[in-house]
Amino acid sequence: MAYNPRTGRELWRLSNNDAQVITPTPIVVGEQIVITGGNPTGARPIHAVRAGGTGDLTPATQGERGEHLDWTVERGSPYTPTPIAYRGIL
């Protein structure tokens, strides 16, 4: 979930029904917010959300892009990630 830092109101959410524990450290890369997260059962997704989205950004089917969800890797993140981006490489 993303929140407005001034008001605390929810801006958008991206659900993962497989996840029990998500430990994200989001980073901004250009116009995208890259979200990584661990899950002890193995889901460990990475998502790239385009800035400006509102409401529920969860795609109807797994792997599908959405209006503000540019891409997803279902099993690419370590359990407690701290991603970096440098010269276009995540």
PDB file of N, CA and C in Angstrom:
ATOM      1  N   MET A   1       0.834  -1.177   0.000  1.00  0.00           N
ATOM      2  CA  MET A   1       0.000   0.000   0.000  1.00  0.00           C
ATOM      3  C   MET A   1       0.878   1.238   0.000  1.00  0.00           C
ATOM      4  N   ALA A   2       0.380   2.278  -0.611  1.00  0.00           N
ATOM      5  CA  ALA A   2       1.080   3.564  -0.605  1.00  0.00           C
ATOM      6  C   ALA A   2       0.167   4.589   0.052  1.00  0.00           C
ATOM      7  N   TYR A   3       0.755   5.450   0.861  1.00  0.00           N
ATOM      8  CA  TYR A   3      -0.007   6.446   1.598  1.00  0.00           C
ATOM      9  C   TYR A   3       0.500   7.852   1.304  1.00  0.00           C
ATOM     10  N   ASN A   4      -0.405   8.814   1.371  1.00  0.00           N
ATOM     11  CA  ASN A   4      -0.037  10.217   1.257  1.00  0.00           C
ATOM     12  C   ASN A   4       0.688  10.594   2.545  1.00  0.00           C
ATOM     13  N   PRO A   5       1.933  11.063   2.462  1.00  0.00           N
ATOM     14  CA  PRO A   5       2.680  11.358   3.686  1.00  0.00           C
ATOM     15  C   PRO A   5       2.130  12.530   4.485  1.00  0.00           C
ATOM     16  N   ARG A   6       1.378  13.400   3.854  1.00  0.00           N
ATOM     17  CA  ARG A   6       0.804  14.550   4.571  1.00  0.00           C
ATOM     18  C   ARG A   6      -0.486  14.215   5.307  1.00  0.00           C
ATOM     19  N   THR A   7      -1.326  13.379   4.670  1.00  0.00           N
ATOM     20  CA  THR A   7      -2.640  13.105   5.251  1.00  0.00           C
ATOM     21  C   THR A   7      -2.767  11.711   5.857  1.00  0.00           C
ATOM     22  N   GLY A   8      -1.891  10.789   5.433  1.00  0.00           N
ATOM     23  CA  GLY A   8      -1.993   9.415   5.902  1.00  0.00           C
ATOM     24  C   GLY A   8      -3.034   8.598   5.146  1.00  0.00           C
ATOM     25  N   ARG A   9      -3.706   9.200   4.171  1.00  0.00           N
ATOM     26  CA  ARG A   9      -4.717   8.471   3.397  1.00  0.00           C
ATOM     27  C   ARG A   9      -4.063   7.521   2.403  1.00  0.00           C
ATOM     28  N   GLU A  10      -4.711   6.385   2.211  1.00  0.00           N
ATOM     29  CA  GLU A  10      -4.212   5.407   1.251  1.00  0.00           C
ATOM     30  C   GLU A  10      -4.335   5.960  -0.166  1.00  0.00           C
ATOM     31  N   LEU A  11      -3.253   5.846  -0.951  1.00  0.00           N
ATOM     32  CA  LEU A  11      -3.271   6.257  -2.347  1.00  0.00           C
ATOM     33  C   LEU A  11      -3.600   5.071  -3.256  1.00  0.00           C
ATOM     34  N   TRP A  12      -2.907   3.957  -3.033  1.00  0.00           N
ATOM     35  CA  TRP A  12      -3.156   2.755  -3.827  1.00  0.00           C
ATOM     36  C   TRP A  12      -2.720   1.517  -3.061  1.00  0.00           C
ATOM     37  N   ARG A  13      -3.146   0.376  -3.579  1.00  0.00           N
ATOM     38  CA  ARG A  13      -2.778  -0.912  -2.984  1.00  0.00           C
ATOM     39  C   ARG A  13      -2.555  -1.926  -4.087  1.00  0.00           C
ATOM     40  N   LEU A  14      -1.683  -2.871  -3.800  1.00  0.00           N
ATOM     41  CA  LEU A  14      -1.379  -3.967  -4.707  1.00  0.00           C
ATOM     42  C   LEU A  14      -1.385  -5.223  -3.851  1.00  0.00           C
ATOM     43  N   SER A  15      -2.361  -6.087  -4.060  1.00  0.00           N
ATOM     44  CA  SER A  15      -2.538  -7.261  -3.203  1.00  0.00           C
ATOM     45  C   SER A  15      -1.799  -8.464  -3.753  1.00  0.00           C
ATOM     46  N   ASN A  16      -1.356  -9.314  -2.844  1.00  0.00           N
ATOM     47  CA  ASN A  16      -0.740 -10.591  -3.181  1.00  0.00           C
ATOM     48  C   ASN A  16      -1.331 -11.601  -2.218  1.00  0.00           C
ATOM     49  N   ASN A  17      -2.318 -12.353  -2.682  1.00  0.00           N
ATOM     50  CA  ASN A  17      -3.023 -13.281  -1.790  1.00  0.00           C
ATOM     51  C   ASN A  17      -2.141 -14.407  -1.287  1.00  0.00           C
ATOM     52  N   ASP A  18      -1.002 -14.668  -1.964  1.00  0.00           N
ATOM     53  CA  ASP A  18      -0.072 -15.709  -1.524  1.00  0.00           C
ATOM     54  C   ASP A  18       0.740 -15.287  -0.313  1.00  0.00           C
ATOM     55  N   ALA A  19       0.899 -13.992  -0.137  1.00  0.00           N
ATOM     56  CA  ALA A  19       1.854 -13.482   0.836  1.00  0.00           C
ATOM     57  C   ALA A  19       1.334 -13.543   2.266  1.00  0.00           C
ATOM     58  N   GLN A  20       2.208 -13.952   3.166  1.00  0.00           N
ATOM     59  CA  GLN A  20       1.915 -13.883   4.585  1.00  0.00           C
ATOM     60  C   GLN A  20       2.688 -12.740   5.218  1.00  0.00           C
ATOM     61  N   VAL A  21       3.922 -12.555   4.775  1.00  0.00           N
ATOM     62  CA  VAL A  21       4.770 -11.491   5.293  1.00  0.00           C
ATOM     63  C   VAL A  21       5.436 -10.816   4.098  1.00  0.00           C
ATOM     64  N   ILE A  22       5.261  -9.529   3.967  1.00  0.00           N
ATOM     65  CA  ILE A  22       5.939  -8.766   2.927  1.00  0.00           C
ATOM     66  C   ILE A  22       6.819  -7.743   3.631  1.00  0.00           C
ATOM     67  N   THR A  23       8.071  -7.674   3.236  1.00  0.00           N
ATOM     68  CA  THR A  23       9.013  -6.759   3.877  1.00  0.00           C
ATOM     69  C   THR A  23       9.640  -5.860   2.821  1.00  0.00           C
ATOM     70  N   PRO A  24       8.876  -4.933   2.244  1.00  0.00           N
ATOM     71  CA  PRO A  24       9.385  -4.154   1.126  1.00  0.00           C
ATOM     72  C   PRO A  24      10.258  -2.971   1.539  1.00  0.00           C
ATOM     73  N   THR A  25      11.164  -2.643   0.659  1.00  0.00           N
ATOM     74  CA  THR A  25      11.899  -1.391   0.702  1.00  0.00           C
ATOM     75  C   THR A  25      11.709  -0.779  -0.680  1.00  0.00           C
ATOM     76  N   PRO A  26      10.666   0.016  -0.881  1.00  0.00           N
ATOM     77  CA  PRO A  26      10.406   0.551  -2.224  1.00  0.00           C
ATOM     78  C   PRO A  26      11.449   1.594  -2.615  1.00  0.00           C
ATOM     79  N   ILE A  27      11.747   1.642  -3.913  1.00  0.00           N
ATOM     80  CA  ILE A  27      12.631   2.675  -4.439  1.00  0.00           C
ATOM     81  C   ILE A  27      11.977   3.290  -5.667  1.00  0.00           C
ATOM     82  N   VAL A  28      12.308   4.529  -5.944  1.00  0.00           N
ATOM     83  CA  VAL A  28      11.791   5.209  -7.122  1.00  0.00           C
ATOM     84  C   VAL A  28      12.864   5.171  -8.192  1.00  0.00           C
ATOM     85  N   VAL A  29      12.478   4.694  -9.370  1.00  0.00           N
ATOM     86  CA  VAL A  29      13.374   4.609 -10.522  1.00  0.00           C
ATOM     87  C   VAL A  29      12.655   5.293 -11.677  1.00  0.00           C
ATOM     88  N   GLY A  30      13.036   6.516 -11.971  1.00  0.00           N
ATOM     89  CA  GLY A  30      12.340   7.275 -13.009  1.00  0.00           C
ATOM     90  C   GLY A  30      10.904   7.526 -12.604  1.00  0.00           C
ATOM     91  N   GLU A  31       9.965   7.069 -13.423  1.00  0.00           N
ATOM     92  CA  GLU A  31       8.534   7.226 -13.139  1.00  0.00           C
ATOM     93  C   GLU A  31       7.931   5.996 -12.466  1.00  0.00           C
ATOM     94  N   GLN A  32       8.760   5.029 -12.096  1.00  0.00           N
ATOM     95  CA  GLN A  32       8.264   3.802 -11.494  1.00  0.00           C
ATOM     96  C   GLN A  32       8.677   3.698 -10.032  1.00  0.00           C
ATOM     97  N   ILE A  33       7.820   3.039  -9.276  1.00  0.00           N
ATOM     98  CA  ILE A  33       8.114   2.682  -7.896  1.00  0.00           C
ATOM     99  C   ILE A  33       8.331   1.172  -7.915  1.00  0.00           C
ATOM    100  N   VAL A  34       9.536   0.740  -7.563  1.00  0.00           N
ATOM    101  CA  VAL A  34       9.860  -0.685  -7.580  1.00  0.00           C
ATOM    102  C   VAL A  34       9.693  -1.208  -6.161  1.00  0.00           C
ATOM    103  N   ILE A  35       8.856  -2.245  -6.046  1.00  0.00           N
ATOM    104  CA  ILE A  35       8.507  -2.815  -4.751  1.00  0.00           C
ATOM    105  C   ILE A  35       8.973  -4.260  -4.733  1.00  0.00           C
ATOM    106  N   THR A  36       9.774  -4.593  -3.742  1.00  0.00           N
ATOM    107  CA  THR A  36      10.248  -5.960  -3.583  1.00  0.00           C
ATOM    108  C   THR A  36       9.732  -6.473  -2.253  1.00  0.00           C
ATOM    109  N   GLY A  37       9.684  -7.771  -2.078  1.00  0.00           N
ATOM    110  CA  GLY A  37       9.208  -8.252  -0.796  1.00  0.00           C
ATOM    111  C   GLY A  37       9.415  -9.722  -0.605  1.00  0.00           C
ATOM    112  N   GLY A  38       9.749 -10.095   0.609  1.00  0.00           N
ATOM    113  CA  GLY A  38       9.962 -11.493   0.930  1.00  0.00           C
ATOM    114  C   GLY A  38       8.716 -12.159   1.452  1.00  0.00           C
ATOM    115  N   ASN A  39       8.722 -13.437   1.415  1.00  0.00           N
ATOM    116  CA  ASN A  39       7.627 -14.244   1.911  1.00  0.00           C
ATOM    117  C   ASN A  39       8.209 -15.609   2.252  1.00  0.00           C
ATOM    118  N   PRO A  40       8.070 -16.054   3.478  1.00  0.00           N
ATOM    119  CA  PRO A  40       8.682 -17.330   3.842  1.00  0.00           C
ATOM    120  C   PRO A  40       8.170 -18.516   3.027  1.00  0.00           C
ATOM    121  N   THR A  41       6.990 -18.403   2.399  1.00  0.00           N
ATOM    122  CA  THR A  41       6.484 -19.527   1.596  1.00  0.00           C
ATOM    123  C   THR A  41       7.031 -19.503   0.179  1.00  0.00           C
ATOM    124  N   GLY A  42       7.801 -18.460  -0.195  1.00  0.00           N
ATOM    125  CA  GLY A  42       8.489 -18.480  -1.470  1.00  0.00           C
ATOM    126  C   GLY A  42       7.972 -17.565  -2.554  1.00  0.00           C
ATOM    127  N   ALA A  43       6.925 -16.767  -2.345  1.00  0.00           N
ATOM    128  CA  ALA A  43       6.401 -15.931  -3.422  1.00  0.00           C
ATOM    129  C   ALA A  43       7.419 -14.885  -3.854  1.00  0.00           C
ATOM    130  N   ARG A  44       7.904 -14.066  -2.964  1.00  0.00           N
ATOM    131  CA  ARG A  44       8.976 -13.102  -3.182  1.00  0.00           C
ATOM    132  C   ARG A  44       8.868 -12.317  -4.491  1.00  0.00           C
ATOM    133  N   PRO A  45       7.803 -11.555  -4.679  1.00  0.00           N
ATOM    134  CA  PRO A  45       7.608 -10.828  -5.935  1.00  0.00           C
ATOM    135  C   PRO A  45       8.398  -9.520  -6.007  1.00  0.00           C
ATOM    136  N   ILE A  46       8.567  -9.034  -7.233  1.00  0.00           N
ATOM    137  CA  ILE A  46       9.072  -7.695  -7.507  1.00  0.00           C
ATOM    138  C   ILE A  46       8.045  -7.051  -8.433  1.00  0.00           C
ATOM    139  N   HIS A  47       7.590  -5.851  -8.090  1.00  0.00           N
ATOM    140  CA  HIS A  47       6.604  -5.139  -8.904  1.00  0.00           C
ATOM    141  C   HIS A  47       7.150  -3.774  -9.286  1.00  0.00           C
ATOM    142  N   ALA A  48       6.793  -3.317 -10.475  1.00  0.00           N
ATOM    143  CA  ALA A  48       7.102  -1.957 -10.908  1.00  0.00           C
ATOM    144  C   ALA A  48       5.782  -1.233 -11.133  1.00  0.00           C
ATOM    145  N   VAL A  49       5.493  -0.272 -10.272  1.00  0.00           N
ATOM    146  CA  VAL A  49       4.240   0.489 -10.316  1.00  0.00           C
ATOM    147  C   VAL A  49       4.551   1.883 -10.862  1.00  0.00           C
ATOM    148  N   ARG A  50       3.818   2.308 -11.859  1.00  0.00           N
ATOM    149  CA  ARG A  50       3.984   3.647 -12.402  1.00  0.00           C
ATOM    150  C   ARG A  50       3.352   4.650 -11.450  1.00  0.00           C
ATOM    151  N   ALA A  51       4.085   5.694 -11.135  1.00  0.00           N
ATOM    152  CA  ALA A  51       3.600   6.731 -10.216  1.00  0.00           C
ATOM    153  C   ALA A  51       2.291   7.325 -10.730  1.00  0.00           C
ATOM    154  N   GLY A  52       1.436   7.712  -9.808  1.00  0.00           N
ATOM    155  CA  GLY A  52       0.176   8.369 -10.148  1.00  0.00           C
ATOM    156  C   GLY A  52      -1.056   7.499 -10.049  1.00  0.00           C
ATOM    157  N   GLY A  53      -0.879   6.219  -9.747  1.00  0.00           N
ATOM    158  CA  GLY A  53      -2.029   5.327  -9.638  1.00  0.00           C
ATOM    159  C   GLY A  53      -2.829   5.584  -8.376  1.00  0.00           C
ATOM    160  N   THR A  54      -4.095   5.187  -8.406  1.00  0.00           N
ATOM    161  CA  THR A  54      -4.960   5.288  -7.232  1.00  0.00           C
ATOM    162  C   THR A  54      -5.824   4.039  -7.140  1.00  0.00           C
ATOM    163  N   GLY A  55      -6.262   3.721  -5.929  1.00  0.00           N
ATOM    164  CA  GLY A  55      -7.146   2.585  -5.735  1.00  0.00           C
ATOM    165  C   GLY A  55      -6.407   1.259  -5.767  1.00  0.00           C
ATOM    166  N   ASP A  56      -7.124   0.198  -6.114  1.00  0.00           N
ATOM    167  CA  ASP A  56      -6.566  -1.153  -6.145  1.00  0.00           C
ATOM    168  C   ASP A  56      -5.879  -1.379  -7.490  1.00  0.00           C
ATOM    169  N   LEU A  57      -4.562  -1.585  -7.483  1.00  0.00           N
ATOM    170  CA  LEU A  57      -3.792  -1.792  -8.710  1.00  0.00           C
ATOM    171  C   LEU A  57      -3.578  -3.269  -9.019  1.00  0.00           C
ATOM    172  N   THR A  58      -4.164  -4.154  -8.227  1.00  0.00           N
ATOM    173  CA  THR A  58      -3.989  -5.590  -8.400  1.00  0.00           C
ATOM    174  C   THR A  58      -4.593  -6.038  -9.724  1.00  0.00           C
ATOM    175  N   PRO A  59      -3.805  -6.718 -10.590  1.00  0.00           N
ATOM    176  CA  PRO A  59      -4.372  -7.195 -11.855  1.00  0.00           C
ATOM    177  C   PRO A  59      -5.358  -8.329 -11.623  1.00  0.00           C
ATOM    178  N   ALA A  60      -6.280  -8.513 -12.570  1.00  0.00           N
ATOM    179  CA  ALA A  60      -7.302  -9.555 -12.455  1.00  0.00           C
ATOM    180  C   ALA A  60      -6.686 -10.946 -12.479  1.00  0.00           C
ATOM    181  N   THR A  61      -5.632 -11.137 -13.275  1.00  0.00           N
ATOM    182  CA  THR A  61      -4.961 -12.429 -13.329  1.00  0.00           C
ATOM    183  C   THR A  61      -3.477 -12.242 -13.067  1.00  0.00           C
ATOM    184  N   GLN A  62      -2.863 -13.253 -12.490  1.00  0.00           N
ATOM    185  CA  GLN A  62      -1.443 -13.197 -12.141  1.00  0.00           C
ATOM    186  C   GLN A  62      -0.600 -12.986 -13.396  1.00  0.00           C
ATOM    187  N   GLY A  63       0.380 -12.096 -13.314  1.00  0.00           N
ATOM    188  CA  GLY A  63       1.265 -11.822 -14.434  1.00  0.00           C
ATOM    189  C   GLY A  63       0.748 -10.772 -15.411  1.00  0.00           C
ATOM    190  N   GLU A  64      -0.487 -10.350 -15.244  1.00  0.00           N
ATOM    191  CA  GLU A  64      -1.085  -9.358 -16.136  1.00  0.00           C
ATOM    192  C   GLU A  64      -0.615  -7.955 -15.764  1.00  0.00           C
ATOM    193  N   ARG A  65      -0.420  -7.110 -16.761  1.00  0.00           N
ATOM    194  CA  ARG A  65      -0.109  -5.711 -16.510  1.00  0.00           C
ATOM    195  C   ARG A  65      -1.404  -4.972 -16.229  1.00  0.00           C
ATOM    196  N   GLY A  66      -1.288  -3.872 -15.529  1.00  0.00           N
ATOM    197  CA  GLY A  66      -2.447  -3.042 -15.265  1.00  0.00           C
ATOM    198  C   GLY A  66      -2.180  -1.629 -15.750  1.00  0.00           C
ATOM    199  N   GLU A  67      -3.130  -0.756 -15.528  1.00  0.00           N
ATOM    200  CA  GLU A  67      -2.971   0.626 -15.966  1.00  0.00           C
ATOM    201  C   GLU A  67      -1.738   1.269 -15.328  1.00  0.00           C
ATOM    202  N   HIS A  68      -1.465   0.946 -14.088  1.00  0.00           N
ATOM    203  CA  HIS A  68      -0.314   1.510 -13.394  1.00  0.00           C
ATOM    204  C   HIS A  68       0.681   0.453 -12.935  1.00  0.00           C
ATOM    205  N   LEU A  69       0.439  -0.802 -13.249  1.00  0.00           N
ATOM    206  CA  LEU A  69       1.385  -1.873 -12.932  1.00  0.00           C
ATOM    207  C   LEU A  69       2.120  -2.230 -14.219  1.00  0.00           C
ATOM    208  N   ASP A  70       3.398  -1.817 -14.325  1.00  0.00           N
ATOM    209  CA  ASP A  70       4.146  -2.026 -15.560  1.00  0.00           C
ATOM    210  C   ASP A  70       4.655  -3.451 -15.714  1.00  0.00           C
ATOM    211  N   TRP A  71       5.180  -4.029 -14.640  1.00  0.00           N
ATOM    212  CA  TRP A  71       5.647  -5.410 -14.722  1.00  0.00           C
ATOM    213  C   TRP A  71       5.756  -6.033 -13.343  1.00  0.00           C
ATOM    214  N   THR A  72       5.783  -7.359 -13.341  1.00  0.00           N
ATOM    215  CA  THR A  72       5.909  -8.141 -12.109  1.00  0.00           C
ATOM    216  C   THR A  72       6.803  -9.345 -12.383  1.00  0.00           C
ATOM    217  N   VAL A  73       7.668  -9.653 -11.437  1.00  0.00           N
ATOM    218  CA  VAL A  73       8.425 -10.903 -11.432  1.00  0.00           C
ATOM    219  C   VAL A  73       7.938 -11.631 -10.185  1.00  0.00           C
ATOM    220  N   GLU A  74       7.343 -12.796 -10.374  1.00  0.00           N
ATOM    221  CA  GLU A  74       6.695 -13.486  -9.252  1.00  0.00           C
ATOM    222  C   GLU A  74       7.666 -14.031  -8.213  1.00  0.00           C
ATOM    223  N   ARG A  75       8.846 -14.465  -8.616  1.00  0.00           N
ATOM    224  CA  ARG A  75       9.787 -15.094  -7.678  1.00  0.00           C
ATOM    225  C   ARG A  75      11.202 -14.581  -7.927  1.00  0.00           C
ATOM    226  N   GLY A  76      11.427 -13.305  -7.647  1.00  0.00           N
ATOM    227  CA  GLY A  76      12.735 -12.756  -7.917  1.00  0.00           C
ATOM    228  C   GLY A  76      13.405 -12.064  -6.751  1.00  0.00           C
ATOM    229  N   SER A  77      12.676 -11.819  -5.694  1.00  0.00           N
ATOM    230  CA  SER A  77      13.182 -11.012  -4.590  1.00  0.00           C
ATOM    231  C   SER A  77      13.702 -11.875  -3.446  1.00  0.00           C
ATOM    232  N   PRO A  78      14.764 -11.436  -2.777  1.00  0.00           N
ATOM    233  CA  PRO A  78      15.154 -12.114  -1.546  1.00  0.00           C
ATOM    234  C   PRO A  78      14.145 -11.805  -0.434  1.00  0.00           C
ATOM    235  N   TYR A  79      14.290 -12.476   0.692  1.00  0.00           N
ATOM    236  CA  TYR A  79      13.321 -12.312   1.783  1.00  0.00           C
ATOM    237  C   TYR A  79      13.302 -10.882   2.336  1.00  0.00           C
ATOM    238  N   THR A  80      14.444 -10.318   2.639  1.00  0.00           N
ATOM    239  CA  THR A  80      14.503  -8.953   3.158  1.00  0.00           C
ATOM    240  C   THR A  80      15.369  -8.120   2.209  1.00  0.00           C
ATOM    241  N   PRO A  81      14.786  -7.621   1.129  1.00  0.00           N
ATOM    242  CA  PRO A  81      15.559  -6.935   0.109  1.00  0.00           C
ATOM    243  C   PRO A  81      15.785  -5.455   0.405  1.00  0.00           C
ATOM    244  N   THR A  82      16.852  -4.933  -0.110  1.00  0.00           N
ATOM    245  CA  THR A  82      17.107  -3.512  -0.165  1.00  0.00           C
ATOM    246  C   THR A  82      17.633  -3.254  -1.582  1.00  0.00           C
ATOM    247  N   PRO A  83      16.737  -3.035  -2.528  1.00  0.00           N
ATOM    248  CA  PRO A  83      17.147  -2.902  -3.931  1.00  0.00           C
ATOM    249  C   PRO A  83      17.854  -1.577  -4.203  1.00  0.00           C
ATOM    250  N   ILE A  84      18.629  -1.562  -5.272  1.00  0.00           N
ATOM    251  CA  ILE A  84      19.234  -0.330  -5.757  1.00  0.00           C
ATOM    252  C   ILE A  84      19.066  -0.308  -7.276  1.00  0.00           C
ATOM    253  N   ALA A  85      19.097   0.876  -7.835  1.00  0.00           N
ATOM    254  CA  ALA A  85      19.087   1.047  -9.283  1.00  0.00           C
ATOM    255  C   ALA A  85      20.256   1.956  -9.636  1.00  0.00           C
ATOM    256  N   TYR A  86      20.996   1.550 -10.665  1.00  0.00           N
ATOM    257  CA  TYR A  86      22.152   2.331 -11.092  1.00  0.00           C
ATOM    258  C   TYR A  86      22.268   2.240 -12.605  1.00  0.00           C
ATOM    259  N   ARG A  87      22.195   3.391 -13.268  1.00  0.00           N
ATOM    260  CA  ARG A  87      22.329   3.465 -14.725  1.00  0.00           C
ATOM    261  C   ARG A  87      21.389   2.510 -15.444  1.00  0.00           C
ATOM    262  N   GLY A  88      20.141   2.479 -14.999  1.00  0.00           N
ATOM    263  CA  GLY A  88      19.126   1.683 -15.653  1.00  0.00           C
ATOM    264  C   GLY A  88      19.108   0.208 -15.304  1.00  0.00           C
ATOM    265  N   ILE A  89      19.929  -0.221 -14.371  1.00  0.00           N
ATOM    266  CA  ILE A  89      19.962  -1.619 -13.960  1.00  0.00           C
ATOM    267  C   ILE A  89      19.450  -1.714 -12.532  1.00  0.00           C
ATOM    268  N   LEU A  90      18.473  -2.612 -12.317  1.00  0.00           N
ATOM    269  CA  LEU A  90      17.901  -2.822 -10.988  1.00  0.00           C
ATOM    270  C   LEU A  90      18.651  -3.941 -10.316  1.00  0.00           C
TER     271      LEU A  90
END
